[in-house]
Amino acid sequence: MNPLQSGELPPFDSGEYPVVPRPGTRQGTMLAPTWVEAAALRRGLSADGESRLTVRPVGPGYRRARRAALSPDVLESPVLAVAGFGQPLAPSLRPGDVVVAGEVRADALTEGRVPGTLRLRSATAVAEALRRRGLTVHVCAVVSTDRLSDPSARDRLTMTSAVVADLDSAWLLARRRGDRPAACVRVVAPPGITRRRAALRVLTTVAAGLEEWAASIA
């Protein structure tokens, strides 16, 4: 059992996020939980308007993720990426480390329908693109849950082989159609303003790596 680094991963904001299809999606869509994470990701994309990814904040939590996954721009996106902060479950992870999901699971005790395990074949290529940018990258399992604030749930999740937990990835990726490429990247960001600021800078670099990956499969 991996001892959990304590602390809850609260959202930056708690407003409602309308699920509105966005025209002009080019190569693919990159989904982020909050506006703050989305802004950091946008800073990493090409400034010439030629980016192959469109960044969209969907709002934190599995309920918003379920709604976002049904929107046309997500359902029809030829490439889908999910990126944002993650709660560390393994003691070896350090703030700013990047976890690329080789597998995304949902907590079996989450309320409502629980998505099945999703294996992401793109993980190795995504990890290589991020390592070329100097990031510390781990390819491991990510677990999504509805109860990161519950200490007993976090303790239970440490007994799985997942190293990072979040509140939305499993639901955002659940409706991915066919063999369309998909990626899930989480930056380790324990509580604390300084650590969060550093993690936002890492997210910006993550976006550049995801853009490279999306361009390589165009």
N, C-alpha and C. Protein backbone atom coordinates (compact mmCIF):
# COMPACT_ATOMS: atom_id res chain seq x y z
N MET A 1 0.84 -1.20 0.00
CA MET A 1 0.00 0.00 0.00
C MET A 1 0.88 1.25 0.00
N ASN A 2 0.59 2.14 -0.93
CA ASN A 2 1.36 3.37 -1.01
C ASN A 2 0.80 4.42 -0.06
N PRO A 3 1.59 4.98 0.86
CA PRO A 3 1.08 6.04 1.72
C PRO A 3 0.74 7.26 0.89
N LEU A 4 -0.41 7.83 1.11
CA LEU A 4 -0.90 8.97 0.32
C LEU A 4 -0.32 10.27 0.83
N GLN A 5 0.12 11.10 -0.07
CA GLN A 5 0.49 12.45 0.32
C GLN A 5 -0.81 13.17 0.62
N SER A 6 -0.93 13.70 1.81
CA SER A 6 -2.20 14.24 2.26
C SER A 6 -2.56 15.51 1.54
N GLY A 7 -3.84 15.82 1.56
CA GLY A 7 -4.32 17.08 1.00
C GLY A 7 -5.31 16.88 -0.12
N GLU A 8 -6.29 17.75 -0.16
CA GLU A 8 -7.33 17.70 -1.17
C GLU A 8 -6.94 18.56 -2.36
N LEU A 9 -7.42 18.19 -3.52
CA LEU A 9 -7.16 18.97 -4.72
C LEU A 9 -8.44 19.72 -5.08
N PRO A 10 -8.65 20.92 -4.52
CA PRO A 10 -9.88 21.65 -4.78
C PRO A 10 -9.84 22.35 -6.12
N PRO A 11 -11.01 22.60 -6.71
CA PRO A 11 -11.03 23.36 -7.96
C PRO A 11 -10.64 24.80 -7.72
N PHE A 12 -10.13 25.47 -8.76
CA PHE A 12 -9.78 26.88 -8.65
C PHE A 12 -11.03 27.74 -8.58
N ASP A 13 -12.08 27.29 -9.23
CA ASP A 13 -13.31 28.06 -9.23
C ASP A 13 -14.47 27.09 -9.20
N SER A 14 -15.62 27.58 -8.84
CA SER A 14 -16.75 26.69 -8.63
C SER A 14 -17.96 27.07 -9.49
N GLY A 15 -17.74 27.92 -10.49
CA GLY A 15 -18.83 28.34 -11.34
C GLY A 15 -19.28 27.23 -12.28
N GLU A 16 -20.44 27.44 -12.89
CA GLU A 16 -20.95 26.48 -13.85
C GLU A 16 -20.22 26.65 -15.18
N TYR A 17 -20.01 25.56 -15.87
CA TYR A 17 -19.34 25.58 -17.16
C TYR A 17 -20.32 25.08 -18.21
N PRO A 18 -20.86 25.95 -19.05
CA PRO A 18 -21.81 25.50 -20.05
C PRO A 18 -21.13 24.60 -21.07
N VAL A 19 -21.85 23.57 -21.47
CA VAL A 19 -21.33 22.67 -22.50
C VAL A 19 -21.80 23.21 -23.84
N VAL A 20 -20.95 23.96 -24.51
CA VAL A 20 -21.30 24.61 -25.78
C VAL A 20 -20.36 24.12 -26.86
N PRO A 21 -20.88 23.53 -27.92
CA PRO A 21 -20.00 23.11 -29.01
C PRO A 21 -19.25 24.31 -29.59
N ARG A 22 -17.97 24.14 -29.85
CA ARG A 22 -17.16 25.22 -30.39
C ARG A 22 -16.80 24.93 -31.83
N PRO A 23 -17.15 25.82 -32.74
CA PRO A 23 -16.82 25.59 -34.14
C PRO A 23 -15.32 25.75 -34.38
N GLY A 24 -14.86 25.19 -35.46
CA GLY A 24 -13.49 25.43 -35.87
C GLY A 24 -12.46 24.52 -35.24
N THR A 25 -12.91 23.46 -34.55
CA THR A 25 -11.93 22.53 -34.03
C THR A 25 -11.17 21.91 -35.19
N ARG A 26 -9.84 21.96 -35.11
CA ARG A 26 -9.05 21.50 -36.24
C ARG A 26 -8.62 20.06 -36.01
N GLN A 27 -7.40 19.89 -35.56
CA GLN A 27 -6.92 18.52 -35.42
C GLN A 27 -7.56 17.79 -34.25
N GLY A 28 -7.81 18.48 -33.18
CA GLY A 28 -8.37 17.78 -32.03
C GLY A 28 -8.73 18.72 -30.90
N THR A 29 -9.15 18.12 -29.80
CA THR A 29 -9.63 18.87 -28.64
C THR A 29 -8.84 18.48 -27.41
N MET A 30 -8.44 19.48 -26.63
CA MET A 30 -7.77 19.25 -25.36
C MET A 30 -8.68 19.77 -24.25
N LEU A 31 -9.06 18.90 -23.34
CA LEU A 31 -9.99 19.23 -22.27
C LEU A 31 -9.25 19.44 -20.96
N ALA A 32 -9.65 20.48 -20.23
CA ALA A 32 -9.05 20.79 -18.93
C ALA A 32 -10.16 21.00 -17.91
N PRO A 33 -9.93 20.66 -16.65
CA PRO A 33 -10.98 20.81 -15.64
C PRO A 33 -11.41 22.25 -15.39
N THR A 34 -10.46 23.19 -15.32
CA THR A 34 -10.79 24.55 -14.92
C THR A 34 -10.25 25.56 -15.93
N TRP A 35 -10.77 26.78 -15.83
CA TRP A 35 -10.30 27.86 -16.69
C TRP A 35 -8.82 28.15 -16.45
N VAL A 36 -8.37 28.04 -15.21
CA VAL A 36 -6.96 28.33 -14.90
C VAL A 36 -6.04 27.31 -15.58
N GLU A 37 -6.39 26.04 -15.49
CA GLU A 37 -5.59 25.01 -16.17
C GLU A 37 -5.66 25.18 -17.69
N ALA A 38 -6.85 25.51 -18.19
CA ALA A 38 -7.00 25.72 -19.63
C ALA A 38 -6.14 26.88 -20.12
N ALA A 39 -6.08 27.96 -19.34
CA ALA A 39 -5.27 29.11 -19.73
C ALA A 39 -3.79 28.74 -19.78
N ALA A 40 -3.34 27.94 -18.82
CA ALA A 40 -1.94 27.51 -18.82
C ALA A 40 -1.65 26.65 -20.05
N LEU A 41 -2.57 25.79 -20.41
CA LEU A 41 -2.39 24.94 -21.58
C LEU A 41 -2.35 25.77 -22.87
N ARG A 42 -3.23 26.74 -22.97
CA ARG A 42 -3.26 27.57 -24.19
C ARG A 42 -1.93 28.28 -24.40
N ARG A 43 -1.28 28.69 -23.31
CA ARG A 43 -0.01 29.39 -23.44
C ARG A 43 1.06 28.53 -24.10
N GLY A 44 0.89 27.22 -24.05
CA GLY A 44 1.89 26.33 -24.62
C GLY A 44 1.67 26.00 -26.08
N LEU A 45 0.54 26.43 -26.64
CA LEU A 45 0.24 26.11 -28.04
C LEU A 45 0.85 27.14 -28.98
N SER A 46 0.94 26.78 -30.24
CA SER A 46 1.52 27.67 -31.24
C SER A 46 0.80 29.01 -31.26
N ALA A 47 1.58 30.08 -31.30
CA ALA A 47 0.99 31.42 -31.26
C ALA A 47 0.59 31.92 -32.63
N ASP A 48 0.86 31.15 -33.67
CA ASP A 48 0.58 31.61 -35.03
C ASP A 48 -0.81 31.22 -35.52
N GLY A 49 -1.62 30.68 -34.62
CA GLY A 49 -2.97 30.28 -35.00
C GLY A 49 -3.04 28.96 -35.74
N GLU A 50 -1.91 28.24 -35.81
CA GLU A 50 -1.86 26.99 -36.54
C GLU A 50 -1.88 25.77 -35.63
N SER A 51 -2.26 25.95 -34.39
CA SER A 51 -2.26 24.83 -33.46
C SER A 51 -3.23 23.75 -33.92
N ARG A 52 -2.85 22.51 -33.71
CA ARG A 52 -3.70 21.39 -34.08
C ARG A 52 -4.62 20.97 -32.93
N LEU A 53 -4.61 21.73 -31.85
CA LEU A 53 -5.47 21.42 -30.71
C LEU A 53 -6.25 22.67 -30.28
N THR A 54 -7.50 22.47 -29.91
CA THR A 54 -8.32 23.52 -29.33
C THR A 54 -8.53 23.20 -27.86
N VAL A 55 -8.22 24.12 -26.98
CA VAL A 55 -8.33 23.89 -25.53
C VAL A 55 -9.72 24.31 -25.06
N ARG A 56 -10.31 23.48 -24.24
CA ARG A 56 -11.64 23.77 -23.72
C ARG A 56 -11.74 23.40 -22.24
N PRO A 57 -12.11 24.34 -21.37
CA PRO A 57 -12.37 24.00 -19.96
C PRO A 57 -13.77 23.40 -19.83
N VAL A 58 -13.89 22.34 -19.06
CA VAL A 58 -15.18 21.67 -18.94
C VAL A 58 -15.79 21.79 -17.55
N GLY A 59 -14.99 22.25 -16.58
CA GLY A 59 -15.48 22.31 -15.21
C GLY A 59 -15.06 21.09 -14.42
N PRO A 60 -14.75 21.26 -13.14
CA PRO A 60 -14.27 20.14 -12.32
C PRO A 60 -15.39 19.18 -11.94
N GLY A 61 -15.05 17.92 -11.79
CA GLY A 61 -16.00 16.95 -11.28
C GLY A 61 -16.57 16.03 -12.34
N TYR A 62 -16.97 14.84 -11.89
CA TYR A 62 -17.41 13.82 -12.84
C TYR A 62 -18.74 14.13 -13.49
N ARG A 63 -19.60 14.88 -12.81
CA ARG A 63 -20.90 15.21 -13.43
C ARG A 63 -20.69 16.11 -14.65
N ARG A 64 -19.86 17.15 -14.51
CA ARG A 64 -19.58 18.02 -15.65
C ARG A 64 -18.84 17.24 -16.73
N ALA A 65 -17.96 16.34 -16.32
CA ALA A 65 -17.22 15.54 -17.31
C ALA A 65 -18.17 14.67 -18.13
N ARG A 66 -19.16 14.10 -17.48
CA ARG A 66 -20.14 13.29 -18.22
C ARG A 66 -20.87 14.11 -19.26
N ARG A 67 -21.26 15.33 -18.89
CA ARG A 67 -21.97 16.19 -19.83
C ARG A 67 -21.05 16.60 -20.98
N ALA A 68 -19.83 16.98 -20.64
CA ALA A 68 -18.89 17.44 -21.67
C ALA A 68 -18.60 16.33 -22.68
N ALA A 69 -18.52 15.09 -22.21
CA ALA A 69 -18.19 13.97 -23.09
C ALA A 69 -19.25 13.74 -24.16
N LEU A 70 -20.45 14.27 -23.95
CA LEU A 70 -21.53 14.08 -24.91
C LEU A 70 -21.66 15.24 -25.89
N SER A 71 -20.85 16.26 -25.76
CA SER A 71 -20.94 17.41 -26.65
C SER A 71 -20.36 17.05 -28.02
N PRO A 72 -20.90 17.62 -29.09
CA PRO A 72 -20.45 17.25 -30.45
C PRO A 72 -18.96 17.46 -30.69
N ASP A 73 -18.39 18.54 -30.16
CA ASP A 73 -16.97 18.78 -30.44
C ASP A 73 -16.08 17.74 -29.79
N VAL A 74 -16.55 17.11 -28.72
CA VAL A 74 -15.78 16.02 -28.10
C VAL A 74 -16.05 14.72 -28.83
N LEU A 75 -17.31 14.43 -29.10
CA LEU A 75 -17.66 13.18 -29.78
C LEU A 75 -17.04 13.07 -31.16
N GLU A 76 -16.93 14.21 -31.85
CA GLU A 76 -16.45 14.20 -33.23
C GLU A 76 -14.97 14.54 -33.37
N SER A 77 -14.32 14.81 -32.28
CA SER A 77 -12.91 15.20 -32.35
C SER A 77 -12.05 14.04 -32.83
N PRO A 78 -11.22 14.25 -33.86
CA PRO A 78 -10.38 13.16 -34.35
C PRO A 78 -9.25 12.80 -33.39
N VAL A 79 -8.88 13.75 -32.54
CA VAL A 79 -7.86 13.51 -31.51
C VAL A 79 -8.38 14.14 -30.22
N LEU A 80 -8.27 13.41 -29.11
CA LEU A 80 -8.78 13.91 -27.84
C LEU A 80 -7.72 13.78 -26.77
N ALA A 81 -7.47 14.89 -26.07
CA ALA A 81 -6.50 14.88 -24.97
C ALA A 81 -7.15 15.48 -23.73
N VAL A 82 -6.83 14.92 -22.59
CA VAL A 82 -7.27 15.44 -21.29
C VAL A 82 -6.01 15.80 -20.52
N ALA A 83 -5.97 17.02 -19.97
CA ALA A 83 -4.76 17.45 -19.25
C ALA A 83 -5.15 18.36 -18.10
N GLY A 84 -4.42 18.25 -17.00
CA GLY A 84 -4.69 19.07 -15.83
C GLY A 84 -3.90 18.57 -14.64
N PHE A 85 -4.29 19.02 -13.47
CA PHE A 85 -3.62 18.61 -12.25
C PHE A 85 -4.12 17.23 -11.81
N GLY A 86 -3.31 16.57 -10.99
CA GLY A 86 -3.69 15.28 -10.42
C GLY A 86 -3.23 15.18 -8.98
N GLN A 87 -3.96 14.41 -8.20
CA GLN A 87 -3.63 14.17 -6.80
C GLN A 87 -2.69 12.96 -6.71
N PRO A 88 -1.49 13.12 -6.15
CA PRO A 88 -0.56 11.99 -6.09
C PRO A 88 -1.03 10.91 -5.12
N LEU A 89 -0.86 9.67 -5.53
CA LEU A 89 -1.16 8.53 -4.67
C LEU A 89 0.10 7.76 -4.29
N ALA A 90 1.17 7.99 -5.00
CA ALA A 90 2.43 7.28 -4.75
C ALA A 90 3.45 8.21 -4.11
N PRO A 91 4.17 7.75 -3.09
CA PRO A 91 5.13 8.61 -2.38
C PRO A 91 6.32 9.01 -3.23
N SER A 92 6.57 8.29 -4.31
CA SER A 92 7.73 8.61 -5.15
C SER A 92 7.49 9.83 -6.04
N LEU A 93 6.24 10.22 -6.22
CA LEU A 93 5.94 11.36 -7.07
C LEU A 93 6.27 12.67 -6.37
N ARG A 94 6.75 13.62 -7.15
CA ARG A 94 7.10 14.94 -6.63
C ARG A 94 6.28 16.00 -7.34
N PRO A 95 6.03 17.13 -6.69
CA PRO A 95 5.30 18.21 -7.36
C PRO A 95 5.97 18.57 -8.68
N GLY A 96 5.16 18.68 -9.72
CA GLY A 96 5.68 18.99 -11.04
C GLY A 96 5.97 17.77 -11.89
N ASP A 97 6.00 16.58 -11.30
CA ASP A 97 6.13 15.36 -12.10
C ASP A 97 4.90 15.23 -13.00
N VAL A 98 5.09 14.58 -14.12
CA VAL A 98 4.02 14.40 -15.10
C VAL A 98 3.69 12.92 -15.21
N VAL A 99 2.41 12.61 -15.12
CA VAL A 99 1.95 11.23 -15.30
C VAL A 99 1.16 11.15 -16.61
N VAL A 100 1.66 10.33 -17.52
CA VAL A 100 0.93 10.04 -18.76
C VAL A 100 0.22 8.71 -18.54
N ALA A 101 -1.08 8.71 -18.72
CA ALA A 101 -1.86 7.51 -18.43
C ALA A 101 -1.69 6.46 -19.52
N GLY A 102 -1.20 5.30 -19.11
CA GLY A 102 -1.23 4.15 -19.99
C GLY A 102 -2.58 3.46 -19.88
N GLU A 103 -3.24 3.75 -18.77
CA GLU A 103 -4.55 3.17 -18.48
C GLU A 103 -5.33 4.14 -17.61
N VAL A 104 -6.60 4.33 -17.93
CA VAL A 104 -7.48 5.19 -17.13
C VAL A 104 -8.61 4.33 -16.59
N ARG A 105 -8.78 4.40 -15.28
CA ARG A 105 -9.83 3.62 -14.62
C ARG A 105 -10.76 4.55 -13.88
N ALA A 106 -11.92 4.05 -13.52
CA ALA A 106 -12.85 4.80 -12.68
C ALA A 106 -13.02 4.06 -11.36
N ASP A 107 -13.11 4.82 -10.29
CA ASP A 107 -13.35 4.26 -8.97
C ASP A 107 -14.68 3.50 -8.99
N ALA A 108 -14.65 2.23 -8.63
CA ALA A 108 -15.85 1.39 -8.70
C ALA A 108 -16.96 1.87 -7.78
N LEU A 109 -16.62 2.66 -6.77
CA LEU A 109 -17.62 3.13 -5.81
C LEU A 109 -18.17 4.50 -6.16
N THR A 110 -17.83 5.01 -7.34
CA THR A 110 -18.36 6.30 -7.75
C THR A 110 -19.86 6.19 -8.02
N GLU A 111 -20.57 7.25 -7.70
CA GLU A 111 -22.01 7.29 -7.91
C GLU A 111 -22.35 7.15 -9.39
N GLY A 112 -23.40 6.39 -9.69
CA GLY A 112 -23.87 6.27 -11.07
C GLY A 112 -23.09 5.25 -11.88
N ARG A 113 -23.25 5.34 -13.19
CA ARG A 113 -22.60 4.39 -14.10
C ARG A 113 -21.09 4.63 -14.11
N VAL A 114 -20.36 3.54 -13.96
CA VAL A 114 -18.90 3.62 -13.88
C VAL A 114 -18.31 3.16 -15.22
N PRO A 115 -17.52 4.02 -15.89
CA PRO A 115 -16.90 3.61 -17.16
C PRO A 115 -15.93 2.46 -16.96
N GLY A 116 -15.75 1.69 -18.02
CA GLY A 116 -14.77 0.62 -17.98
C GLY A 116 -13.36 1.14 -18.11
N THR A 117 -12.39 0.28 -17.88
CA THR A 117 -10.98 0.65 -17.99
C THR A 117 -10.63 0.95 -19.45
N LEU A 118 -9.91 2.04 -19.65
CA LEU A 118 -9.50 2.45 -20.99
C LEU A 118 -7.99 2.39 -21.08
N ARG A 119 -7.48 1.65 -22.06
CA ARG A 119 -6.04 1.57 -22.30
C ARG A 119 -5.68 2.50 -23.44
N LEU A 120 -4.68 3.33 -23.21
CA LEU A 120 -4.30 4.36 -24.18
C LEU A 120 -2.99 3.98 -24.87
N ARG A 121 -3.09 3.60 -26.11
CA ARG A 121 -1.91 3.15 -26.86
C ARG A 121 -0.96 4.30 -27.19
N SER A 122 -1.46 5.52 -27.05
CA SER A 122 -0.64 6.70 -27.37
C SER A 122 0.34 7.06 -26.26
N ALA A 123 0.26 6.39 -25.12
CA ALA A 123 1.01 6.84 -23.94
C ALA A 123 2.51 6.95 -24.19
N THR A 124 3.09 5.99 -24.85
CA THR A 124 4.54 6.02 -25.07
C THR A 124 4.95 7.20 -25.94
N ALA A 125 4.21 7.45 -27.01
CA ALA A 125 4.53 8.57 -27.90
C ALA A 125 4.37 9.91 -27.19
N VAL A 126 3.31 10.03 -26.39
CA VAL A 126 3.09 11.27 -25.64
C VAL A 126 4.22 11.48 -24.64
N ALA A 127 4.59 10.42 -23.92
CA ALA A 127 5.66 10.53 -22.93
C ALA A 127 6.97 10.95 -23.57
N GLU A 128 7.27 10.41 -24.74
CA GLU A 128 8.52 10.78 -25.43
C GLU A 128 8.51 12.26 -25.80
N ALA A 129 7.37 12.75 -26.28
CA ALA A 129 7.29 14.17 -26.65
C ALA A 129 7.49 15.07 -25.43
N LEU A 130 7.00 14.65 -24.27
CA LEU A 130 7.14 15.44 -23.06
C LEU A 130 8.56 15.37 -22.50
N ARG A 131 9.17 14.21 -22.56
CA ARG A 131 10.54 14.08 -22.07
C ARG A 131 11.52 14.91 -22.90
N ARG A 132 11.23 15.04 -24.19
CA ARG A 132 12.09 15.87 -25.02
C ARG A 132 12.07 17.33 -24.57
N ARG A 133 11.08 17.69 -23.80
CA ARG A 133 10.98 19.05 -23.27
C ARG A 133 11.49 19.17 -21.85
N GLY A 134 12.17 18.13 -21.39
CA GLY A 134 12.83 18.19 -20.10
C GLY A 134 11.96 17.86 -18.90
N LEU A 135 10.78 17.33 -19.13
CA LEU A 135 9.88 17.01 -18.01
C LEU A 135 10.19 15.63 -17.45
N THR A 136 9.88 15.47 -16.15
CA THR A 136 9.97 14.16 -15.51
C THR A 136 8.65 13.45 -15.72
N VAL A 137 8.68 12.38 -16.49
CA VAL A 137 7.45 11.74 -16.96
C VAL A 137 7.38 10.29 -16.49
N HIS A 138 6.21 9.90 -16.01
CA HIS A 138 5.93 8.52 -15.63
C HIS A 138 4.74 8.03 -16.46
N VAL A 139 4.85 6.84 -17.03
CA VAL A 139 3.71 6.23 -17.72
C VAL A 139 3.10 5.22 -16.77
N CYS A 140 1.94 5.54 -16.25
CA CYS A 140 1.31 4.72 -15.21
C CYS A 140 -0.21 4.81 -15.35
N ALA A 141 -0.89 4.13 -14.45
CA ALA A 141 -2.35 4.17 -14.43
C ALA A 141 -2.85 5.39 -13.67
N VAL A 142 -3.96 5.94 -14.17
CA VAL A 142 -4.66 7.06 -13.53
C VAL A 142 -6.04 6.57 -13.13
N VAL A 143 -6.51 6.95 -11.96
CA VAL A 143 -7.84 6.57 -11.52
C VAL A 143 -8.69 7.83 -11.30
N SER A 144 -9.93 7.77 -11.76
CA SER A 144 -10.85 8.89 -11.58
C SER A 144 -11.90 8.52 -10.54
N THR A 145 -12.24 9.51 -9.71
CA THR A 145 -13.16 9.26 -8.62
C THR A 145 -14.03 10.48 -8.38
N ASP A 146 -15.03 10.34 -7.54
CA ASP A 146 -15.89 11.48 -7.18
C ASP A 146 -15.64 11.94 -5.75
N ARG A 147 -14.60 11.41 -5.12
CA ARG A 147 -14.44 11.67 -3.69
C ARG A 147 -13.00 11.83 -3.24
N LEU A 148 -12.27 12.71 -3.90
CA LEU A 148 -10.89 12.96 -3.50
C LEU A 148 -10.81 13.60 -2.13
N SER A 149 -11.89 14.27 -1.70
CA SER A 149 -11.86 14.94 -0.39
C SER A 149 -12.11 13.97 0.76
N ASP A 150 -12.43 12.73 0.43
CA ASP A 150 -12.73 11.72 1.44
C ASP A 150 -11.45 10.94 1.76
N PRO A 151 -10.89 11.11 2.97
CA PRO A 151 -9.62 10.42 3.30
C PRO A 151 -9.70 8.91 3.14
N SER A 152 -10.84 8.31 3.50
CA SER A 152 -10.95 6.86 3.39
C SER A 152 -10.91 6.42 1.93
N ALA A 153 -11.49 7.24 1.04
CA ALA A 153 -11.44 6.92 -0.38
C ALA A 153 -10.02 7.03 -0.91
N ARG A 154 -9.30 8.07 -0.50
CA ARG A 154 -7.91 8.20 -0.95
C ARG A 154 -7.07 7.02 -0.46
N ASP A 155 -7.30 6.62 0.79
CA ASP A 155 -6.56 5.47 1.32
C ASP A 155 -6.86 4.22 0.49
N ARG A 156 -8.11 4.06 0.10
CA ARG A 156 -8.49 2.90 -0.70
C ARG A 156 -7.84 2.95 -2.08
N LEU A 157 -7.79 4.13 -2.67
CA LEU A 157 -7.22 4.26 -4.00
C LEU A 157 -5.72 3.99 -4.01
N THR A 158 -5.04 4.22 -2.90
CA THR A 158 -3.60 3.94 -2.85
C THR A 158 -3.32 2.44 -2.94
N MET A 159 -4.33 1.61 -2.70
CA MET A 159 -4.13 0.17 -2.76
C MET A 159 -4.24 -0.36 -4.19
N THR A 160 -4.61 0.49 -5.13
CA THR A 160 -4.62 0.09 -6.54
C THR A 160 -3.24 0.39 -7.11
N SER A 161 -3.04 0.06 -8.35
CA SER A 161 -1.74 0.35 -8.98
C SER A 161 -1.71 1.73 -9.61
N ALA A 162 -2.79 2.49 -9.48
CA ALA A 162 -2.79 3.86 -10.00
C ALA A 162 -1.89 4.74 -9.13
N VAL A 163 -1.22 5.70 -9.77
CA VAL A 163 -0.31 6.57 -9.02
C VAL A 163 -0.86 7.99 -8.88
N VAL A 164 -1.90 8.32 -9.64
CA VAL A 164 -2.51 9.64 -9.59
C VAL A 164 -4.02 9.49 -9.66
N ALA A 165 -4.73 10.34 -8.93
CA ALA A 165 -6.19 10.36 -8.98
C ALA A 165 -6.67 11.72 -9.48
N ASP A 166 -7.80 11.69 -10.19
CA ASP A 166 -8.43 12.93 -10.61
C ASP A 166 -9.94 12.77 -10.51
N LEU A 167 -10.65 13.79 -10.96
CA LEU A 167 -12.11 13.82 -10.82
C LEU A 167 -12.86 13.72 -12.14
N ASP A 168 -12.16 13.42 -13.24
CA ASP A 168 -12.90 13.54 -14.50
C ASP A 168 -12.40 12.72 -15.68
N SER A 169 -11.16 12.30 -15.73
CA SER A 169 -10.60 11.72 -16.95
C SER A 169 -11.40 10.53 -17.47
N ALA A 170 -11.78 9.62 -16.61
CA ALA A 170 -12.48 8.41 -17.06
C ALA A 170 -13.77 8.75 -17.78
N TRP A 171 -14.48 9.77 -17.31
CA TRP A 171 -15.76 10.15 -17.92
C TRP A 171 -15.53 10.97 -19.18
N LEU A 172 -14.51 11.81 -19.20
CA LEU A 172 -14.23 12.59 -20.40
C LEU A 172 -13.83 11.71 -21.58
N LEU A 173 -13.18 10.60 -21.30
CA LEU A 173 -12.70 9.72 -22.36
C LEU A 173 -13.65 8.56 -22.65
N ALA A 174 -14.69 8.41 -21.85
CA ALA A 174 -15.55 7.23 -21.95
C ALA A 174 -16.28 7.11 -23.28
N ARG A 175 -16.57 8.25 -23.92
CA ARG A 175 -17.35 8.23 -25.17
C ARG A 175 -16.46 8.32 -26.41
N ARG A 176 -15.17 8.20 -26.22
CA ARG A 176 -14.27 8.24 -27.38
C ARG A 176 -14.67 7.16 -28.37
N ARG A 177 -14.76 7.55 -29.62
CA ARG A 177 -15.26 6.63 -30.63
C ARG A 177 -14.15 5.86 -31.34
N GLY A 178 -14.37 4.57 -31.46
CA GLY A 178 -13.46 3.73 -32.23
C GLY A 178 -12.03 3.81 -31.77
N ASP A 179 -11.14 3.90 -32.75
CA ASP A 179 -9.70 3.93 -32.47
C ASP A 179 -9.13 5.34 -32.53
N ARG A 180 -9.95 6.35 -32.37
CA ARG A 180 -9.44 7.72 -32.42
C ARG A 180 -8.39 7.92 -31.33
N PRO A 181 -7.25 8.52 -31.67
CA PRO A 181 -6.19 8.70 -30.68
C PRO A 181 -6.64 9.53 -29.49
N ALA A 182 -6.20 9.13 -28.32
CA ALA A 182 -6.55 9.85 -27.09
C ALA A 182 -5.37 9.81 -26.14
N ALA A 183 -5.29 10.85 -25.30
CA ALA A 183 -4.20 10.94 -24.32
C ALA A 183 -4.75 11.53 -23.03
N CYS A 184 -4.13 11.14 -21.94
CA CYS A 184 -4.48 11.69 -20.62
C CYS A 184 -3.17 12.01 -19.90
N VAL A 185 -3.02 13.28 -19.52
CA VAL A 185 -1.78 13.73 -18.86
C VAL A 185 -2.15 14.50 -17.60
N ARG A 186 -1.53 14.14 -16.49
CA ARG A 186 -1.78 14.82 -15.22
C ARG A 186 -0.46 15.29 -14.61
N VAL A 187 -0.46 16.54 -14.16
CA VAL A 187 0.70 17.11 -13.48
C VAL A 187 0.46 17.03 -11.98
N VAL A 188 1.42 16.47 -11.26
CA VAL A 188 1.29 16.32 -9.81
C VAL A 188 1.29 17.70 -9.16
N ALA A 189 0.22 17.99 -8.43
CA ALA A 189 0.07 19.33 -7.84
C ALA A 189 -0.60 19.24 -6.48
N PRO A 190 0.16 18.92 -5.43
CA PRO A 190 -0.39 18.95 -4.09
C PRO A 190 -0.83 20.37 -3.72
N PRO A 191 -1.60 20.53 -2.64
CA PRO A 191 -2.06 21.86 -2.25
C PRO A 191 -0.91 22.82 -1.97
N GLY A 192 -1.20 24.11 -2.14
CA GLY A 192 -0.19 25.13 -1.89
C GLY A 192 -0.03 26.03 -3.09
N ILE A 193 -0.12 27.34 -2.89
CA ILE A 193 -0.10 28.28 -4.00
C ILE A 193 1.19 28.18 -4.79
N THR A 194 2.34 28.10 -4.09
CA THR A 194 3.62 28.05 -4.79
C THR A 194 3.72 26.81 -5.66
N ARG A 195 3.31 25.66 -5.12
CA ARG A 195 3.37 24.43 -5.89
C ARG A 195 2.41 24.47 -7.07
N ARG A 196 1.25 25.08 -6.88
CA ARG A 196 0.30 25.18 -7.98
C ARG A 196 0.83 26.07 -9.10
N ARG A 197 1.48 27.16 -8.74
CA ARG A 197 2.05 28.04 -9.77
C ARG A 197 3.10 27.30 -10.58
N ALA A 198 3.94 26.54 -9.89
CA ALA A 198 4.97 25.77 -10.59
C ALA A 198 4.33 24.73 -11.50
N ALA A 199 3.25 24.11 -11.01
CA ALA A 199 2.56 23.09 -11.81
C ALA A 199 1.90 23.70 -13.04
N LEU A 200 1.43 24.94 -12.94
CA LEU A 200 0.85 25.61 -14.10
C LEU A 200 1.90 25.81 -15.19
N ARG A 201 3.12 26.14 -14.78
CA ARG A 201 4.19 26.28 -15.78
C ARG A 201 4.48 24.95 -16.47
N VAL A 202 4.40 23.87 -15.70
CA VAL A 202 4.60 22.54 -16.30
C VAL A 202 3.47 22.24 -17.29
N LEU A 203 2.23 22.62 -16.94
CA LEU A 203 1.11 22.39 -17.85
C LEU A 203 1.33 23.08 -19.19
N THR A 204 1.91 24.27 -19.16
CA THR A 204 2.18 24.98 -20.40
C THR A 204 3.13 24.17 -21.28
N THR A 205 4.14 23.58 -20.67
CA THR A 205 5.07 22.74 -21.42
C THR A 205 4.37 21.47 -21.90
N VAL A 206 3.49 20.91 -21.08
CA VAL A 206 2.72 19.73 -21.46
C VAL A 206 1.93 20.00 -22.74
N ALA A 207 1.31 21.18 -22.83
CA ALA A 207 0.51 21.51 -24.01
C ALA A 207 1.36 21.47 -25.27
N ALA A 208 2.59 21.99 -25.19
CA ALA A 208 3.47 21.96 -26.36
C ALA A 208 3.78 20.53 -26.79
N GLY A 209 3.99 19.65 -25.81
CA GLY A 209 4.24 18.26 -26.12
C GLY A 209 3.04 17.57 -26.74
N LEU A 210 1.85 17.87 -26.21
CA LEU A 210 0.63 17.29 -26.77
C LEU A 210 0.37 17.80 -28.19
N GLU A 211 0.72 19.05 -28.41
CA GLU A 211 0.56 19.60 -29.76
C GLU A 211 1.48 18.86 -30.74
N GLU A 212 2.72 18.61 -30.33
CA GLU A 212 3.64 17.85 -31.17
C GLU A 212 3.09 16.46 -31.47
N TRP A 213 2.57 15.81 -30.44
CA TRP A 213 2.00 14.46 -30.62
C TRP A 213 0.82 14.50 -31.59
N ALA A 214 -0.08 15.48 -31.43
CA ALA A 214 -1.24 15.58 -32.31
C ALA A 214 -0.81 15.81 -33.75
N ALA A 215 0.22 16.64 -33.95
CA ALA A 215 0.71 16.91 -35.30
C ALA A 215 1.31 15.66 -35.93
N SER A 216 1.92 14.80 -35.10
CA SER A 216 2.59 13.62 -35.63
C SER A 216 1.63 12.56 -36.14
N ILE A 217 0.37 12.65 -35.72
CA ILE A 217 -0.61 11.64 -36.15
C ILE A 217 -1.62 12.25 -37.10
N ALA A 218 -1.35 13.44 -37.59
CA ALA A 218 -2.27 14.11 -38.51
C ALA A 218 -2.36 13.31 -39.81
